[in-house]
Amino acid sequence: FLFVTMDSIAKHLVRDYPVAQVVWGRYTFHAVFLLVLLRGRLPKVMATRRLGIQLLRSLLLMATTILFFLGLRFVPLAEASAIMFVAPITVTALSAPLLRERVGPHRIFGVILGFAGAMIILRPGTGMMEVGALLPLGAAFLYALYQITTRMLSHTDGPLTTLVYTAVVGTVAMSIAVPFFWKAPDPAG
């Protein structure tokens, strides 16, 4: 429900505001919420044994968000969301080479069927595929890598640690970028 709400709000906002500004708002509210929630525990929660992977994971989600929100400018929300279902299929496909997990024949068959379903949604080669659909598709692949890095971190860092890094990295990176794109909000609009 919360993801659908966030995506619906983003779909509405990217019509009138730059994507960078909408993404900045998403991460800033996330960070403020966590700062209030965690208050004095923040330094302890931010302790990580794998800073590089935390930063990579955070950047992957930020890039996913940027591509998905940008895609919402070009394709309907339902179609963009359906394209994002390529992510779990991609996670399964990448879990063997990146996580050294065993992927049996049933899962391999499921991955093949899942990609076939994605191609039905995207309709490549029919002239009907919108270039804008490539944005949520790229977001799905980055989101799959984000999920894989989350799994890598699950052995060393707690969920709150990864959640805080996501909020902080997204807020800092987008705060650097947003002044170049800022459009003053119109309270009447």
Protein backbone atom coordinates (compact mmCIF):
# COMPACT_ATOMS: atom_id res chain seq x y z
CA PHE A 1 0.00 0.00 0.00
CA LEU A 2 2.77 2.44 0.94
CA PHE A 3 4.75 1.78 -2.25
CA VAL A 4 1.64 2.22 -4.40
CA THR A 5 0.86 5.45 -2.56
CA MET A 6 4.42 6.75 -3.04
CA ASP A 7 4.41 5.81 -6.73
CA SER A 8 1.00 7.41 -7.28
CA ILE A 9 2.12 10.64 -5.63
CA ALA A 10 5.33 10.58 -7.69
CA LYS A 11 3.32 10.04 -10.89
CA HIS A 12 1.29 13.13 -10.05
CA LEU A 13 4.30 15.26 -9.05
CA VAL A 14 6.58 14.45 -12.01
CA ARG A 15 4.01 16.01 -14.33
CA ASP A 16 4.81 19.45 -12.91
CA TYR A 17 8.14 19.14 -11.12
CA PRO A 18 11.61 17.91 -12.08
CA VAL A 19 12.27 14.26 -11.24
CA ALA A 20 15.33 15.26 -9.21
CA GLN A 21 13.14 17.41 -6.97
CA VAL A 22 10.58 14.64 -6.46
CA VAL A 23 13.33 12.11 -5.66
CA TRP A 24 14.94 14.62 -3.29
CA GLY A 25 11.60 14.96 -1.47
CA ARG A 26 11.24 11.18 -1.23
CA TYR A 27 14.65 10.77 0.40
CA THR A 28 14.48 13.87 2.56
CA PHE A 29 11.17 12.86 4.16
CA HIS A 30 12.60 9.35 4.61
CA ALA A 31 15.67 10.75 6.40
CA VAL A 32 13.68 13.15 8.59
CA PHE A 33 11.35 10.33 9.64
CA LEU A 34 14.32 8.14 10.61
CA LEU A 35 16.05 10.99 12.47
CA VAL A 36 12.94 11.52 14.57
CA LEU A 37 12.41 7.79 15.07
CA LEU A 38 16.00 6.93 15.99
CA ARG A 39 17.10 10.15 17.72
CA GLY A 40 20.01 9.23 20.05
CA ARG A 41 20.52 5.75 18.61
CA LEU A 42 21.64 7.03 15.19
CA PRO A 43 25.44 6.74 15.72
CA LYS A 44 25.08 3.16 16.94
CA VAL A 45 22.70 2.23 14.13
CA MET A 46 25.07 3.66 11.50
CA ALA A 47 27.94 1.40 12.55
CA THR A 48 28.68 -0.89 9.61
CA ARG A 49 31.32 -3.44 8.78
CA ARG A 50 30.78 -3.04 5.01
CA LEU A 51 30.66 0.67 4.20
CA GLY A 52 31.40 0.21 0.49
CA ILE A 53 28.49 -2.19 -0.03
CA GLN A 54 26.20 0.05 2.05
CA LEU A 55 27.05 3.00 -0.20
CA LEU A 56 26.67 0.92 -3.38
CA ARG A 57 23.31 -0.43 -2.19
CA SER A 58 22.08 3.06 -1.39
CA LEU A 59 23.17 4.43 -4.77
CA LEU A 60 21.48 1.51 -6.54
CA LEU A 61 18.16 2.30 -4.87
CA MET A 62 18.55 6.01 -5.59
CA ALA A 63 19.23 5.28 -9.27
CA THR A 64 16.28 2.87 -9.31
CA THR A 65 14.04 5.60 -7.92
CA ILE A 66 15.27 8.16 -10.45
CA LEU A 67 14.70 5.83 -13.41
CA PHE A 68 11.30 4.68 -12.16
CA PHE A 69 10.03 8.20 -11.42
CA LEU A 70 11.36 9.41 -14.77
CA GLY A 71 9.61 6.48 -16.45
CA LEU A 72 6.35 7.60 -14.83
CA ARG A 73 6.48 10.65 -17.07
CA PHE A 74 6.19 8.43 -20.14
CA VAL A 75 4.25 5.28 -19.24
CA PRO A 76 1.15 4.63 -17.12
CA LEU A 77 1.73 3.71 -13.48
CA ALA A 78 0.23 0.23 -13.93
CA GLU A 79 2.55 -0.54 -16.85
CA ALA A 80 5.63 0.80 -15.04
CA SER A 81 4.74 -1.28 -11.98
CA ALA A 82 4.23 -4.39 -14.12
CA ILE A 83 7.64 -3.87 -15.72
CA MET A 84 9.19 -3.68 -12.25
CA PHE A 85 8.14 -7.32 -11.76
CA VAL A 86 11.20 -8.17 -13.84
CA ALA A 87 13.27 -7.42 -10.71
CA PRO A 88 12.55 -10.63 -8.74
CA ILE A 89 13.11 -12.66 -11.89
CA THR A 90 16.46 -10.92 -12.35
CA VAL A 91 17.36 -11.54 -8.69
CA THR A 92 16.77 -15.24 -9.24
CA ALA A 93 18.85 -15.21 -12.42
CA LEU A 94 21.72 -13.37 -10.71
CA SER A 95 21.65 -15.21 -7.39
CA ALA A 96 23.76 -18.09 -8.71
CA PRO A 97 26.66 -16.06 -10.15
CA LEU A 98 26.65 -13.22 -7.57
CA LEU A 99 25.57 -14.95 -4.36
CA ARG A 100 26.71 -18.47 -5.25
CA GLU A 101 23.24 -19.80 -4.49
CA ARG A 102 21.89 -22.93 -6.12
CA VAL A 103 19.19 -22.25 -8.71
CA GLY A 104 17.41 -25.45 -9.69
CA PRO A 105 15.72 -26.28 -12.98
CA HIS A 106 12.29 -25.22 -11.73
CA ARG A 107 13.55 -21.76 -10.91
CA ILE A 108 15.41 -21.50 -14.21
CA PHE A 109 12.18 -22.42 -16.01
CA GLY A 110 10.36 -19.79 -13.90
CA VAL A 111 12.92 -17.15 -14.88
CA ILE A 112 12.46 -17.97 -18.56
CA LEU A 113 8.66 -17.78 -18.24
CA GLY A 114 8.94 -14.54 -16.27
CA PHE A 115 11.07 -12.90 -18.93
CA ALA A 116 8.63 -14.10 -21.58
CA GLY A 117 5.83 -12.43 -19.61
CA ALA A 118 7.87 -9.24 -19.39
CA MET A 119 8.33 -9.28 -23.15
CA ILE A 120 4.55 -9.55 -23.57
CA ILE A 121 4.17 -6.40 -21.46
CA LEU A 122 6.98 -4.56 -23.28
CA ARG A 123 6.02 -5.77 -26.79
CA PRO A 124 9.50 -5.26 -28.33
CA GLY A 125 9.72 -5.34 -32.09
CA THR A 126 6.05 -4.57 -32.64
CA GLY A 127 6.55 -0.87 -32.97
CA MET A 128 4.30 -0.47 -29.93
CA MET A 129 7.08 -0.49 -27.34
CA GLU A 130 7.58 2.94 -25.92
CA VAL A 131 11.13 4.09 -25.31
CA GLY A 132 9.86 5.33 -21.94
CA ALA A 133 9.27 1.69 -20.93
CA LEU A 134 13.04 1.20 -20.95
CA LEU A 135 13.28 3.49 -17.90
CA PRO A 136 11.29 1.24 -15.55
CA LEU A 137 13.03 -1.77 -17.11
CA GLY A 138 16.39 -0.24 -16.20
CA ALA A 139 14.98 0.51 -12.75
CA ALA A 140 13.99 -3.16 -12.39
CA PHE A 141 17.52 -4.34 -13.18
CA LEU A 142 19.07 -1.85 -10.75
CA TYR A 143 16.50 -2.85 -8.13
CA ALA A 144 17.53 -6.48 -8.58
CA LEU A 145 21.15 -5.52 -7.89
CA TYR A 146 19.94 -3.53 -4.88
CA GLN A 147 18.20 -6.67 -3.57
CA ILE A 148 21.36 -8.72 -4.08
CA THR A 149 23.47 -6.19 -2.16
CA THR A 150 20.82 -6.20 0.57
CA ARG A 151 21.26 -9.96 0.84
CA MET A 152 25.05 -9.51 1.02
CA LEU A 153 24.65 -7.06 3.89
CA SER A 154 22.15 -9.19 5.78
CA HIS A 155 24.97 -11.29 7.21
CA THR A 156 26.80 -8.34 8.80
CA ASP A 157 24.45 -5.36 9.22
CA GLY A 158 20.98 -5.02 10.64
CA PRO A 159 17.97 -3.78 8.69
CA LEU A 160 17.95 -0.41 10.47
CA THR A 161 21.56 0.18 9.44
CA THR A 162 20.82 -0.41 5.78
CA LEU A 163 17.64 1.67 6.03
CA VAL A 164 19.52 4.64 7.52
CA TYR A 165 22.28 4.47 4.91
CA THR A 166 19.67 4.44 2.16
CA ALA A 167 18.04 7.58 3.56
CA VAL A 168 21.28 9.45 4.25
CA VAL A 169 22.99 8.68 0.94
CA GLY A 170 19.86 9.49 -1.06
CA THR A 171 19.29 12.74 0.82
CA VAL A 172 22.90 13.92 0.53
CA ALA A 173 23.26 13.00 -3.15
CA MET A 174 19.93 14.51 -4.16
CA SER A 175 20.55 17.63 -2.03
CA ILE A 176 23.67 18.23 -4.12
CA ALA A 177 21.75 17.74 -7.39
CA VAL A 178 18.39 19.37 -6.66
CA PRO A 179 19.48 23.05 -6.76
CA PHE A 180 20.21 22.59 -10.47
CA PHE A 181 16.63 21.42 -11.11
CA TRP A 182 14.56 23.17 -8.44
CA LYS A 183 11.16 24.53 -9.39
CA ALA A 184 9.37 26.50 -6.69
CA PRO A 185 6.25 24.64 -5.55
CA ASP A 186 2.97 26.29 -6.41
CA PRO A 187 0.65 26.04 -3.38
CA ALA A 188 -2.35 26.84 -5.59
CA GLY A 189 -1.55 24.17 -8.16
